[in-house]
Amino acid sequence: MLKNIFEIAGTALTAQTIRMNTTASNLANAGSVSPTEEEAFRAKRPVFRALVDQADLNAGFNVLGGVKVKEVVDSSDPVRKVHDPGNPEANEEGFVFLSNVNEVTEMVEMVAASRSFQNNVEVVTTARQLMMRTLDITKA
């Protein structure tokens, strides 16, 4: 049973790591510009899915109850079009397209992912302590 706790928390740690990485990527590309709307960077968001079906066990997961990143999708927020004819990335009309990354939203995502990650570390630490105390009781 404790093994299940470690495995479930491990899936959550992996998912939150991916969430932190996508947030870091978004922040790194926040100031990017492109000559076309199609090439403009769009913020990425991981989509989580709970591991609750027998098919998840058949897909290689060892325990039900965890979480996985189903996919990483682009944000649907619009990109900004700015007139900046002096920019080397400007198109023939003098416009550049800025990413749709909102730095405030990304910071909120980063704090939330960090807290979720820390909560799962605490779960692992508590489960380990319980396991060690159980071993100590059986020795006495």
N, C-alpha and C. Protein backbone atom coordinates (compact mmCIF):
# COMPACT_ATOMS: atom_id res chain seq x y z
N MET A 1 0.82 -1.19 0.00
CA MET A 1 0.00 0.00 0.00
C MET A 1 0.87 1.26 0.00
N LEU A 2 1.93 1.29 0.80
CA LEU A 2 2.82 2.45 0.78
C LEU A 2 3.49 2.60 -0.57
N LYS A 3 3.75 1.48 -1.23
CA LYS A 3 4.34 1.55 -2.56
C LYS A 3 3.42 2.32 -3.51
N ASN A 4 2.10 2.12 -3.38
CA ASN A 4 1.14 2.85 -4.21
C ASN A 4 1.22 4.35 -3.95
N ILE A 5 1.41 4.72 -2.68
CA ILE A 5 1.51 6.14 -2.34
C ILE A 5 2.71 6.76 -3.05
N PHE A 6 3.84 6.06 -3.02
CA PHE A 6 5.04 6.57 -3.67
C PHE A 6 4.83 6.69 -5.19
N GLU A 7 4.18 5.71 -5.78
CA GLU A 7 3.96 5.74 -7.22
C GLU A 7 2.98 6.84 -7.63
N ILE A 8 1.92 7.01 -6.85
CA ILE A 8 0.95 8.06 -7.16
C ILE A 8 1.60 9.44 -7.01
N ALA A 9 2.32 9.63 -5.92
CA ALA A 9 3.01 10.91 -5.72
C ALA A 9 4.05 11.13 -6.81
N GLY A 10 4.70 10.07 -7.25
CA GLY A 10 5.68 10.19 -8.32
C GLY A 10 5.07 10.67 -9.62
N THR A 11 3.86 10.19 -9.94
CA THR A 11 3.20 10.67 -11.16
C THR A 11 2.87 12.15 -11.03
N ALA A 12 2.46 12.56 -9.83
CA ALA A 12 2.14 13.98 -9.62
C ALA A 12 3.40 14.84 -9.72
N LEU A 13 4.51 14.35 -9.17
CA LEU A 13 5.77 15.09 -9.27
C LEU A 13 6.20 15.26 -10.72
N THR A 14 6.04 14.22 -11.49
CA THR A 14 6.38 14.29 -12.92
C THR A 14 5.48 15.29 -13.64
N ALA A 15 4.19 15.25 -13.35
CA ALA A 15 3.24 16.16 -14.00
C ALA A 15 3.55 17.61 -13.64
N GLN A 16 3.85 17.87 -12.37
CA GLN A 16 4.15 19.25 -11.97
C GLN A 16 5.48 19.73 -12.53
N THR A 17 6.42 18.82 -12.73
CA THR A 17 7.69 19.18 -13.38
C THR A 17 7.44 19.63 -14.81
N ILE A 18 6.58 18.91 -15.52
CA ILE A 18 6.24 19.30 -16.89
C ILE A 18 5.53 20.65 -16.88
N ARG A 19 4.66 20.86 -15.91
CA ARG A 19 3.96 22.14 -15.79
C ARG A 19 4.96 23.28 -15.56
N MET A 20 5.94 23.06 -14.69
CA MET A 20 6.96 24.08 -14.43
C MET A 20 7.80 24.34 -15.69
N ASN A 21 8.14 23.28 -16.42
CA ASN A 21 8.94 23.44 -17.64
C ASN A 21 8.19 24.22 -18.72
N THR A 22 6.90 23.96 -18.87
CA THR A 22 6.13 24.71 -19.87
C THR A 22 6.00 26.17 -19.45
N THR A 23 5.85 26.41 -18.16
CA THR A 23 5.78 27.79 -17.67
C THR A 23 7.10 28.51 -17.90
N ALA A 24 8.21 27.84 -17.64
CA ALA A 24 9.52 28.44 -17.88
C ALA A 24 9.71 28.74 -19.37
N SER A 25 9.27 27.84 -20.22
CA SER A 25 9.36 28.07 -21.66
C SER A 25 8.51 29.27 -22.07
N ASN A 26 7.32 29.36 -21.50
CA ASN A 26 6.45 30.50 -21.81
C ASN A 26 7.12 31.82 -21.42
N LEU A 27 7.69 31.86 -20.22
CA LEU A 27 8.34 33.08 -19.77
C LEU A 27 9.56 33.42 -20.63
N ALA A 28 10.30 32.40 -21.04
CA ALA A 28 11.47 32.62 -21.88
C ALA A 28 11.09 33.20 -23.24
N ASN A 29 9.90 32.88 -23.72
CA ASN A 29 9.45 33.34 -25.04
C ASN A 29 8.48 34.51 -24.97
N ALA A 30 8.30 35.08 -23.78
CA ALA A 30 7.31 36.15 -23.60
C ALA A 30 7.59 37.35 -24.47
N GLY A 31 8.84 37.67 -24.69
CA GLY A 31 9.18 38.86 -25.48
C GLY A 31 9.47 38.59 -26.93
N SER A 32 9.19 37.40 -27.39
CA SER A 32 9.51 37.07 -28.78
C SER A 32 8.54 37.75 -29.74
N VAL A 33 9.05 38.06 -30.93
CA VAL A 33 8.24 38.67 -31.98
C VAL A 33 8.40 37.87 -33.26
N SER A 34 7.40 37.97 -34.10
CA SER A 34 7.40 37.27 -35.38
C SER A 34 6.80 38.16 -36.46
N PRO A 35 7.18 37.90 -37.71
CA PRO A 35 6.62 38.71 -38.81
C PRO A 35 5.19 38.32 -39.18
N THR A 36 4.75 37.12 -38.77
CA THR A 36 3.39 36.69 -39.10
C THR A 36 2.68 36.19 -37.85
N GLU A 37 1.37 36.25 -37.89
CA GLU A 37 0.57 35.78 -36.76
C GLU A 37 0.75 34.27 -36.54
N GLU A 38 0.88 33.53 -37.63
CA GLU A 38 1.01 32.08 -37.54
C GLU A 38 2.32 31.67 -36.85
N GLU A 39 3.39 32.46 -37.03
CA GLU A 39 4.68 32.14 -36.45
C GLU A 39 4.85 32.64 -35.02
N ALA A 40 3.92 33.47 -34.55
CA ALA A 40 4.04 34.03 -33.21
C ALA A 40 3.97 32.93 -32.16
N PHE A 41 4.78 33.08 -31.11
CA PHE A 41 4.79 32.09 -30.04
C PHE A 41 3.48 32.15 -29.27
N ARG A 42 2.94 30.99 -28.99
CA ARG A 42 1.72 30.88 -28.18
C ARG A 42 2.05 30.12 -26.90
N ALA A 43 1.53 30.65 -25.79
CA ALA A 43 1.78 30.02 -24.50
C ALA A 43 1.30 28.57 -24.52
N LYS A 44 2.04 27.72 -23.84
CA LYS A 44 1.71 26.29 -23.76
C LYS A 44 1.08 25.98 -22.41
N ARG A 45 0.16 25.04 -22.41
CA ARG A 45 -0.50 24.59 -21.19
C ARG A 45 -0.59 23.07 -21.20
N PRO A 46 -0.11 22.42 -20.13
CA PRO A 46 -0.29 20.97 -20.04
C PRO A 46 -1.74 20.64 -19.67
N VAL A 47 -2.24 19.57 -20.24
CA VAL A 47 -3.58 19.08 -19.90
C VAL A 47 -3.39 17.78 -19.12
N PHE A 48 -3.89 17.77 -17.89
CA PHE A 48 -3.73 16.60 -17.02
C PHE A 48 -4.88 15.64 -17.17
N ARG A 49 -4.60 14.36 -16.91
CA ARG A 49 -5.64 13.34 -16.92
C ARG A 49 -5.37 12.38 -15.77
N ALA A 50 -6.42 12.08 -15.03
CA ALA A 50 -6.30 11.14 -13.91
C ALA A 50 -6.17 9.71 -14.44
N LEU A 51 -5.33 8.94 -13.77
CA LEU A 51 -5.15 7.53 -14.14
C LEU A 51 -6.15 6.70 -13.33
N VAL A 52 -7.29 6.43 -13.92
CA VAL A 52 -8.36 5.74 -13.19
C VAL A 52 -8.92 4.52 -13.91
N ASP A 53 -8.47 4.26 -15.13
CA ASP A 53 -9.02 3.17 -15.92
C ASP A 53 -8.07 1.99 -15.98
N GLN A 54 -8.62 0.82 -16.18
CA GLN A 54 -7.80 -0.38 -16.37
C GLN A 54 -6.88 -0.22 -17.57
N ALA A 55 -7.32 0.53 -18.56
CA ALA A 55 -6.49 0.76 -19.74
C ALA A 55 -5.19 1.46 -19.37
N ASP A 56 -5.22 2.28 -18.30
CA ASP A 56 -4.01 2.96 -17.85
C ASP A 56 -2.99 1.94 -17.33
N LEU A 57 -3.47 0.92 -16.65
CA LEU A 57 -2.57 -0.14 -16.18
C LEU A 57 -1.98 -0.88 -17.37
N ASN A 58 -2.80 -1.12 -18.37
CA ASN A 58 -2.33 -1.82 -19.57
C ASN A 58 -1.33 -0.96 -20.36
N ALA A 59 -1.40 0.37 -20.16
CA ALA A 59 -0.51 1.28 -20.88
C ALA A 59 0.85 1.44 -20.19
N GLY A 60 1.05 0.71 -19.09
CA GLY A 60 2.36 0.74 -18.45
C GLY A 60 2.41 1.42 -17.10
N PHE A 61 1.33 2.03 -16.66
CA PHE A 61 1.33 2.63 -15.33
C PHE A 61 1.11 1.53 -14.29
N ASN A 62 1.80 1.64 -13.17
CA ASN A 62 1.79 0.57 -12.17
C ASN A 62 0.62 0.64 -11.21
N VAL A 63 0.00 1.78 -11.07
CA VAL A 63 -1.04 1.95 -10.08
C VAL A 63 -2.07 2.96 -10.57
N LEU A 64 -3.31 2.75 -10.17
CA LEU A 64 -4.37 3.71 -10.49
C LEU A 64 -4.38 4.80 -9.43
N GLY A 65 -4.87 5.96 -9.78
CA GLY A 65 -4.99 7.05 -8.84
C GLY A 65 -4.01 8.17 -9.07
N GLY A 66 -3.08 7.99 -9.97
CA GLY A 66 -2.10 9.04 -10.26
C GLY A 66 -2.62 10.00 -11.30
N VAL A 67 -1.68 10.72 -11.89
CA VAL A 67 -2.02 11.71 -12.91
C VAL A 67 -0.96 11.67 -13.99
N LYS A 68 -1.35 12.02 -15.19
CA LYS A 68 -0.37 12.13 -16.27
C LYS A 68 -0.72 13.33 -17.11
N VAL A 69 0.27 13.79 -17.85
CA VAL A 69 0.03 14.87 -18.79
C VAL A 69 -0.47 14.23 -20.08
N LYS A 70 -1.71 14.51 -20.41
CA LYS A 70 -2.31 13.95 -21.62
C LYS A 70 -1.71 14.57 -22.86
N GLU A 71 -1.55 15.91 -22.83
CA GLU A 71 -0.99 16.63 -23.96
C GLU A 71 -0.62 18.04 -23.50
N VAL A 72 0.14 18.71 -24.32
CA VAL A 72 0.47 20.11 -24.08
C VAL A 72 -0.15 20.88 -25.25
N VAL A 73 -1.02 21.83 -24.91
CA VAL A 73 -1.77 22.56 -25.94
C VAL A 73 -1.36 24.03 -25.96
N ASP A 74 -1.58 24.68 -27.09
CA ASP A 74 -1.33 26.11 -27.21
C ASP A 74 -2.49 26.89 -26.63
N SER A 75 -2.18 27.99 -26.00
CA SER A 75 -3.21 28.89 -25.47
C SER A 75 -4.00 29.48 -26.63
N SER A 76 -5.29 29.66 -26.42
CA SER A 76 -6.14 30.23 -27.47
C SER A 76 -6.22 31.76 -27.40
N ASP A 77 -5.53 32.37 -26.43
CA ASP A 77 -5.53 33.83 -26.34
C ASP A 77 -4.91 34.41 -27.61
N PRO A 78 -5.42 35.54 -28.06
CA PRO A 78 -4.89 36.13 -29.31
C PRO A 78 -3.49 36.70 -29.11
N VAL A 79 -2.71 36.70 -30.18
CA VAL A 79 -1.40 37.36 -30.17
C VAL A 79 -1.63 38.83 -30.47
N ARG A 80 -0.66 39.65 -30.08
CA ARG A 80 -0.80 41.10 -30.28
C ARG A 80 -0.06 41.53 -31.55
N LYS A 81 -0.69 42.41 -32.28
CA LYS A 81 -0.10 42.96 -33.50
C LYS A 81 0.32 44.40 -33.19
N VAL A 82 1.61 44.68 -33.42
CA VAL A 82 2.15 46.00 -33.06
C VAL A 82 2.87 46.59 -34.28
N HIS A 83 2.64 47.87 -34.52
CA HIS A 83 3.34 48.55 -35.61
C HIS A 83 4.73 48.96 -35.11
N ASP A 84 5.75 48.36 -35.69
CA ASP A 84 7.14 48.61 -35.29
C ASP A 84 8.03 48.46 -36.53
N PRO A 85 7.97 49.44 -37.45
CA PRO A 85 8.68 49.30 -38.73
C PRO A 85 10.19 49.19 -38.58
N GLY A 86 10.76 49.64 -37.46
CA GLY A 86 12.20 49.55 -37.27
C GLY A 86 12.68 48.19 -36.78
N ASN A 87 11.75 47.33 -36.46
CA ASN A 87 12.12 46.00 -35.96
C ASN A 87 12.55 45.12 -37.14
N PRO A 88 13.68 44.41 -37.00
CA PRO A 88 14.12 43.55 -38.11
C PRO A 88 13.15 42.41 -38.43
N GLU A 89 12.28 42.10 -37.50
CA GLU A 89 11.28 41.03 -37.73
C GLU A 89 9.99 41.57 -38.35
N ALA A 90 9.90 42.87 -38.54
CA ALA A 90 8.66 43.46 -39.06
C ALA A 90 8.37 42.96 -40.46
N ASN A 91 7.08 42.80 -40.75
CA ASN A 91 6.69 42.39 -42.10
C ASN A 91 6.72 43.60 -43.03
N GLU A 92 6.31 43.43 -44.28
CA GLU A 92 6.39 44.50 -45.27
C GLU A 92 5.52 45.70 -44.90
N GLU A 93 4.52 45.51 -44.05
CA GLU A 93 3.66 46.62 -43.61
C GLU A 93 4.18 47.28 -42.34
N GLY A 94 5.27 46.74 -41.77
CA GLY A 94 5.86 47.31 -40.56
C GLY A 94 5.30 46.77 -39.26
N PHE A 95 4.57 45.65 -39.34
CA PHE A 95 3.98 45.07 -38.14
C PHE A 95 4.78 43.86 -37.66
N VAL A 96 4.79 43.68 -36.34
CA VAL A 96 5.31 42.45 -35.73
C VAL A 96 4.19 41.88 -34.87
N PHE A 97 4.26 40.58 -34.64
CA PHE A 97 3.28 39.89 -33.82
C PHE A 97 3.97 39.40 -32.56
N LEU A 98 3.45 39.82 -31.42
CA LEU A 98 4.02 39.46 -30.13
C LEU A 98 3.37 38.18 -29.60
N SER A 99 4.08 37.49 -28.76
CA SER A 99 3.53 36.27 -28.16
C SER A 99 2.31 36.60 -27.31
N ASN A 100 1.50 35.60 -27.04
CA ASN A 100 0.32 35.81 -26.21
C ASN A 100 0.59 35.46 -24.74
N VAL A 101 1.84 35.41 -24.35
CA VAL A 101 2.21 35.07 -22.97
C VAL A 101 1.89 36.25 -22.06
N ASN A 102 1.18 35.97 -20.98
CA ASN A 102 0.90 36.95 -19.94
C ASN A 102 1.79 36.61 -18.76
N GLU A 103 2.76 37.46 -18.45
CA GLU A 103 3.74 37.17 -17.41
C GLU A 103 3.10 36.96 -16.04
N VAL A 104 2.03 37.70 -15.74
CA VAL A 104 1.36 37.54 -14.44
C VAL A 104 0.73 36.15 -14.35
N THR A 105 0.06 35.74 -15.40
CA THR A 105 -0.53 34.39 -15.42
C THR A 105 0.54 33.33 -15.26
N GLU A 106 1.67 33.53 -15.92
CA GLU A 106 2.76 32.55 -15.83
C GLU A 106 3.33 32.47 -14.42
N MET A 107 3.42 33.59 -13.75
CA MET A 107 3.93 33.58 -12.37
C MET A 107 2.95 32.85 -11.44
N VAL A 108 1.66 33.06 -11.66
CA VAL A 108 0.66 32.34 -10.88
C VAL A 108 0.78 30.84 -11.14
N GLU A 109 0.94 30.46 -12.41
CA GLU A 109 1.12 29.05 -12.76
C GLU A 109 2.36 28.47 -12.09
N MET A 110 3.44 29.25 -12.08
CA MET A 110 4.68 28.77 -11.50
C MET A 110 4.54 28.55 -9.99
N VAL A 111 3.90 29.48 -9.30
CA VAL A 111 3.70 29.35 -7.86
C VAL A 111 2.80 28.15 -7.57
N ALA A 112 1.73 28.00 -8.33
CA ALA A 112 0.81 26.87 -8.12
C ALA A 112 1.51 25.54 -8.37
N ALA A 113 2.29 25.46 -9.43
CA ALA A 113 3.01 24.21 -9.73
C ALA A 113 4.04 23.91 -8.65
N SER A 114 4.72 24.94 -8.20
CA SER A 114 5.72 24.77 -7.14
C SER A 114 5.08 24.27 -5.85
N ARG A 115 3.95 24.83 -5.49
CA ARG A 115 3.24 24.40 -4.27
C ARG A 115 2.73 22.97 -4.41
N SER A 116 2.21 22.63 -5.57
CA SER A 116 1.74 21.27 -5.79
C SER A 116 2.90 20.29 -5.72
N PHE A 117 4.03 20.67 -6.30
CA PHE A 117 5.22 19.82 -6.25
C PHE A 117 5.65 19.62 -4.80
N GLN A 118 5.71 20.71 -4.03
CA GLN A 118 6.12 20.61 -2.62
C GLN A 118 5.14 19.77 -1.82
N ASN A 119 3.86 19.88 -2.08
CA ASN A 119 2.87 19.06 -1.38
C ASN A 119 3.11 17.58 -1.63
N ASN A 120 3.46 17.23 -2.85
CA ASN A 120 3.72 15.83 -3.16
C ASN A 120 5.04 15.35 -2.57
N VAL A 121 6.01 16.24 -2.46
CA VAL A 121 7.24 15.88 -1.74
C VAL A 121 6.92 15.58 -0.28
N GLU A 122 6.04 16.37 0.31
CA GLU A 122 5.62 16.12 1.70
C GLU A 122 4.90 14.79 1.84
N VAL A 123 4.10 14.43 0.86
CA VAL A 123 3.43 13.12 0.88
C VAL A 123 4.47 12.01 0.90
N VAL A 124 5.46 12.11 0.04
CA VAL A 124 6.51 11.09 -0.03
C VAL A 124 7.28 11.05 1.28
N THR A 125 7.61 12.20 1.84
CA THR A 125 8.35 12.27 3.10
C THR A 125 7.55 11.65 4.24
N THR A 126 6.27 11.97 4.32
CA THR A 126 5.42 11.42 5.38
C THR A 126 5.28 9.91 5.24
N ALA A 127 5.07 9.43 4.02
CA ALA A 127 4.95 7.99 3.79
C ALA A 127 6.24 7.27 4.18
N ARG A 128 7.37 7.88 3.84
CA ARG A 128 8.67 7.29 4.21
C ARG A 128 8.82 7.23 5.73
N GLN A 129 8.45 8.31 6.42
CA GLN A 129 8.54 8.33 7.88
C GLN A 129 7.64 7.27 8.50
N LEU A 130 6.43 7.11 7.97
CA LEU A 130 5.52 6.08 8.47
C LEU A 130 6.11 4.68 8.26
N MET A 131 6.71 4.48 7.11
CA MET A 131 7.32 3.19 6.82
C MET A 131 8.49 2.92 7.78
N MET A 132 9.30 3.92 8.05
CA MET A 132 10.42 3.75 8.97
C MET A 132 9.94 3.48 10.38
N ARG A 133 8.90 4.16 10.83
CA ARG A 133 8.35 3.94 12.18
C ARG A 133 7.75 2.54 12.28
N THR A 134 7.12 2.08 11.22
CA THR A 134 6.57 0.72 11.22
C THR A 134 7.69 -0.30 11.34
N LEU A 135 8.78 -0.07 10.65
CA LEU A 135 9.93 -0.97 10.76
C LEU A 135 10.52 -0.96 12.15
N ASP A 136 10.57 0.23 12.78
CA ASP A 136 11.07 0.32 14.15
C ASP A 136 10.18 -0.44 15.13
N ILE A 137 8.86 -0.38 14.92
CA ILE A 137 7.94 -1.10 15.80
C ILE A 137 8.11 -2.60 15.66
N THR A 138 8.33 -3.07 14.44
CA THR A 138 8.47 -4.51 14.23
C THR A 138 9.78 -5.04 14.80
N LYS A 139 10.79 -4.17 14.97
CA LYS A 139 12.07 -4.58 15.54
C LYS A 139 11.98 -4.75 17.05
N ALA A 140 11.07 -4.00 17.68
CA ALA A 140 10.96 -4.03 19.15
C ALA A 140 10.27 -5.26 19.66
